[in-house]
Amino acid sequence: MSRFARTGFAALVLLFAACAGAHAQTGANVAVVINEASAASIEIGEYYAQKRNVPASNVIRLSTSVEESLTRAAYRESIESPVAKALFDRGIQDRVLYIVLTKGVPLKISGVRGSRGDAASVDSELTLLYRRMAGRDVLVTGTVDNPYHAGARPVGEMGPFSRRDHDIYLVTRLDGFTVDDVRALVDRGLAPSRDGRI
């Protein structure tokens, strides 16, 4: 369960990631996280980075569990700290707006469930990484309101996601049943349909 208290976050991430070109955002605004312990993660991350023109400096390689869940201590040591270090050391922490996780990166942080618990998704915890890197205090328990949630506003009123307006990263994940499923997802994203209804 995500610690972000609002729904629709993933849909907005995918929407704005697909529209990034329209707002002069490029692969330079994306960081791709690859788990070196997962062959699937390596293949998907490298494929996505190549197809989306993500600079090599924005490809973050780490070694973590390939299990679906890990402890908070393991998350901090093997995911959050290496991602923060890479972003900071490479001087891209402000330029990067989107973090893309790949199949093979754990999904969940184990813990106490519920609105006052500390269980979380890896994706939602990484969303808050910018705040932590900026020295802001981010509680581990409870929910955190999503500052990018549109609520009842039309999507067109939101404007492009920017570092000036938001102290979070938008985090999404490339995942599917197979590597081929994910590669097909990436390919379809490069040529979105202009027809149809949502």
Protein backbone atom coordinates (compact mmCIF):
# COMPACT_ATOMS: atom_id res chain seq x y z
CA MET A 1 0.00 0.00 0.00
CA SER A 2 1.31 3.43 -0.90
CA ARG A 3 1.92 6.00 1.79
CA PHE A 4 0.59 8.65 -0.58
CA ALA A 5 -2.94 9.36 0.57
CA ARG A 6 -4.43 10.23 -2.79
CA THR A 7 -5.46 7.94 -5.65
CA GLY A 8 -4.68 8.37 -9.30
CA PHE A 9 -0.99 9.16 -8.74
CA ALA A 10 0.29 6.40 -11.04
CA ALA A 11 -2.11 7.47 -13.79
CA LEU A 12 -0.84 11.04 -13.58
CA VAL A 13 2.77 9.87 -13.66
CA LEU A 14 2.13 7.88 -16.83
CA LEU A 15 0.17 10.73 -18.39
CA PHE A 16 2.83 13.35 -17.78
CA ALA A 17 5.68 10.99 -18.66
CA ALA A 18 3.97 10.40 -22.01
CA CYS A 19 3.49 14.15 -22.52
CA ALA A 20 6.99 15.10 -21.41
CA GLY A 21 8.08 16.09 -24.92
CA ALA A 22 5.27 18.62 -25.13
CA HIS A 23 6.67 20.43 -22.10
CA ALA A 24 10.35 20.45 -23.19
CA GLN A 25 11.22 17.68 -20.74
CA THR A 26 13.59 15.05 -22.06
CA GLY A 27 15.46 11.91 -21.08
CA ALA A 28 17.76 14.20 -19.09
CA ASN A 29 14.89 14.67 -16.63
CA VAL A 30 14.60 10.91 -16.04
CA ALA A 31 16.64 8.61 -13.80
CA VAL A 32 16.39 4.88 -14.50
CA VAL A 33 17.05 2.50 -11.59
CA ILE A 34 18.48 -0.93 -12.49
CA ASN A 35 18.91 -3.79 -10.03
CA GLU A 36 22.18 -5.51 -11.04
CA ALA A 37 20.97 -8.68 -9.24
CA SER A 38 18.16 -9.09 -11.80
CA ALA A 39 18.79 -9.94 -15.46
CA ALA A 40 15.28 -8.67 -16.28
CA SER A 41 15.98 -5.33 -14.60
CA ILE A 42 19.22 -4.90 -16.54
CA GLU A 43 17.62 -5.71 -19.90
CA ILE A 44 14.56 -3.50 -19.32
CA GLY A 45 16.50 -0.57 -17.88
CA GLU A 46 19.05 -0.52 -20.68
CA TYR A 47 16.33 -0.90 -23.33
CA TYR A 48 14.26 1.95 -21.88
CA ALA A 49 17.28 4.25 -21.47
CA GLN A 50 18.30 3.68 -25.08
CA LYS A 51 14.79 4.14 -26.50
CA ARG A 52 14.09 7.27 -24.42
CA ASN A 53 17.55 8.85 -24.83
CA VAL A 54 18.28 8.80 -21.10
CA PRO A 55 21.91 9.89 -20.56
CA ALA A 56 24.28 7.28 -19.10
CA SER A 57 24.76 9.58 -16.09
CA ASN A 58 21.06 9.15 -15.30
CA VAL A 59 21.18 5.35 -15.24
CA ILE A 60 21.56 4.27 -11.61
CA ARG A 61 22.76 0.74 -11.01
CA LEU A 62 22.41 -0.82 -7.58
CA SER A 63 22.38 -4.28 -6.08
CA THR A 64 19.40 -5.18 -3.94
CA SER A 65 17.06 -8.07 -3.27
CA VAL A 66 15.04 -9.56 -6.11
CA GLU A 67 12.27 -10.47 -3.69
CA GLU A 68 8.97 -8.57 -3.79
CA SER A 69 9.40 -7.19 -0.25
CA LEU A 70 12.30 -6.02 1.91
CA THR A 71 12.73 -4.46 5.34
CA ARG A 72 12.96 -0.70 5.79
CA ALA A 73 16.61 -1.03 6.82
CA ALA A 74 17.38 -3.00 3.65
CA TYR A 75 15.42 -0.45 1.57
CA ARG A 76 17.46 2.43 3.00
CA GLU A 77 20.79 0.64 2.59
CA SER A 78 20.32 -0.96 -0.83
CA ILE A 79 17.88 1.37 -2.65
CA GLU A 80 17.34 4.82 -1.11
CA SER A 81 20.97 5.56 -0.15
CA PRO A 82 22.50 4.42 -3.47
CA VAL A 83 19.90 6.37 -5.48
CA ALA A 84 20.42 9.52 -3.39
CA LYS A 85 24.21 9.19 -3.62
CA ALA A 86 24.12 8.74 -7.39
CA LEU A 87 21.82 11.73 -7.90
CA PHE A 88 23.92 13.94 -5.62
CA ASP A 89 27.37 12.80 -6.76
CA ARG A 90 26.41 13.28 -10.42
CA GLY A 91 24.84 16.68 -9.72
CA ILE A 92 21.49 15.68 -11.27
CA GLN A 93 19.24 15.74 -8.18
CA ASP A 94 17.50 18.96 -9.32
CA ARG A 95 17.37 18.19 -13.05
CA VAL A 96 15.80 14.76 -12.55
CA LEU A 97 12.04 14.95 -12.14
CA TYR A 98 11.10 11.33 -12.81
CA ILE A 99 12.53 8.13 -11.36
CA VAL A 100 11.75 4.99 -13.36
CA LEU A 101 12.09 1.69 -11.51
CA THR A 102 12.41 -1.57 -13.42
CA LYS A 103 11.09 -5.10 -13.04
CA GLY A 104 13.32 -6.79 -10.50
CA VAL A 105 13.45 -3.87 -8.06
CA PRO A 106 11.47 -4.79 -4.89
CA LEU A 107 7.89 -3.51 -4.67
CA LYS A 108 7.23 -3.24 -0.93
CA ILE A 109 8.78 -2.21 2.35
CA SER A 110 7.51 -4.54 5.07
CA GLY A 111 6.11 -3.19 8.30
CA VAL A 112 2.92 -2.34 10.14
CA ARG A 113 0.01 -1.78 7.75
CA GLY A 114 -2.71 0.85 8.03
CA SER A 115 -2.95 4.63 8.02
CA ARG A 116 -0.60 4.91 11.02
CA GLY A 117 1.76 2.14 9.98
CA ASP A 118 5.21 2.18 8.43
CA ALA A 119 4.67 -0.33 5.59
CA ALA A 120 5.01 1.33 2.21
CA SER A 121 5.68 0.82 -1.45
CA VAL A 122 9.24 1.36 -2.64
CA ASP A 123 7.84 3.70 -5.30
CA SER A 124 6.08 6.01 -2.83
CA GLU A 125 9.11 6.17 -0.52
CA LEU A 126 11.36 7.18 -3.42
CA THR A 127 8.84 9.89 -4.29
CA LEU A 128 9.80 11.55 -1.00
CA LEU A 129 13.55 11.20 -1.56
CA TYR A 130 13.99 14.78 -2.78
CA ARG A 131 12.58 16.10 0.49
CA ARG A 132 14.98 13.92 2.46
CA MET A 133 17.92 15.02 0.32
CA ALA A 134 16.94 18.64 0.93
CA GLY A 135 17.10 18.03 4.69
CA ARG A 136 13.36 18.08 5.32
CA ASP A 137 12.00 15.83 8.03
CA VAL A 138 9.83 13.10 6.49
CA LEU A 139 7.99 10.83 8.92
CA VAL A 140 8.18 7.10 8.33
CA THR A 141 4.73 6.37 9.79
CA GLY A 142 1.36 7.55 8.57
CA THR A 143 0.24 8.93 5.24
CA VAL A 144 1.68 11.80 3.22
CA ASP A 145 -0.55 13.95 1.03
CA ASN A 146 0.43 14.00 -2.63
CA PRO A 147 1.09 17.65 -3.57
CA TYR A 148 0.65 16.83 -7.26
CA HIS A 149 -2.81 15.30 -6.89
CA ALA A 150 -5.28 17.09 -9.15
CA GLY A 151 -8.34 16.41 -7.04
CA ALA A 152 -11.41 17.67 -8.90
CA ARG A 153 -9.39 20.03 -11.13
CA PRO A 154 -9.16 19.23 -14.83
CA VAL A 155 -5.77 17.76 -15.77
CA GLY A 156 -5.21 20.67 -18.18
CA GLU A 157 -5.04 23.10 -15.25
CA MET A 158 -2.16 21.30 -13.58
CA GLY A 159 0.65 22.43 -15.84
CA PRO A 160 3.91 20.56 -16.30
CA PHE A 161 5.61 19.04 -13.29
CA SER A 162 8.59 21.17 -12.26
CA ARG A 163 11.23 21.28 -9.56
CA ARG A 164 10.30 24.91 -8.83
CA ASP A 165 6.77 23.92 -7.81
CA HIS A 166 7.27 20.46 -6.24
CA ASP A 167 9.74 18.98 -3.76
CA ILE A 168 9.13 15.37 -4.78
CA TYR A 169 10.10 13.02 -7.57
CA LEU A 170 7.45 11.40 -9.73
CA VAL A 171 8.18 7.68 -9.56
CA THR A 172 6.91 5.02 -11.92
CA ARG A 173 7.82 1.44 -12.71
CA LEU A 174 8.39 -0.60 -15.87
CA ASP A 175 6.99 -4.02 -15.03
CA GLY A 176 5.02 -6.85 -16.56
CA PHE A 177 4.77 -10.64 -16.58
CA THR A 178 7.76 -10.96 -18.92
CA VAL A 179 10.62 -8.84 -20.24
CA ASP A 180 8.97 -8.94 -23.68
CA ASP A 181 5.77 -7.50 -22.18
CA VAL A 182 7.73 -4.57 -20.77
CA ARG A 183 9.69 -3.98 -23.99
CA ALA A 184 6.35 -3.87 -25.85
CA LEU A 185 5.05 -1.35 -23.29
CA VAL A 186 8.08 0.88 -23.94
CA ASP A 187 7.62 0.57 -27.70
CA ARG A 188 3.91 1.43 -27.51
CA GLY A 189 4.75 4.48 -25.40
CA LEU A 190 6.93 5.81 -28.22
CA ALA A 191 3.98 5.84 -30.62
CA PRO A 192 0.87 6.61 -28.55
CA SER A 193 -2.54 6.40 -30.17
CA ARG A 194 -4.18 9.75 -30.88
CA ASP A 195 -7.64 8.21 -31.20
CA GLY A 196 -10.01 6.69 -28.69
CA ARG A 197 -11.59 7.55 -25.39
CA ILE A 198 -10.41 7.27 -21.82
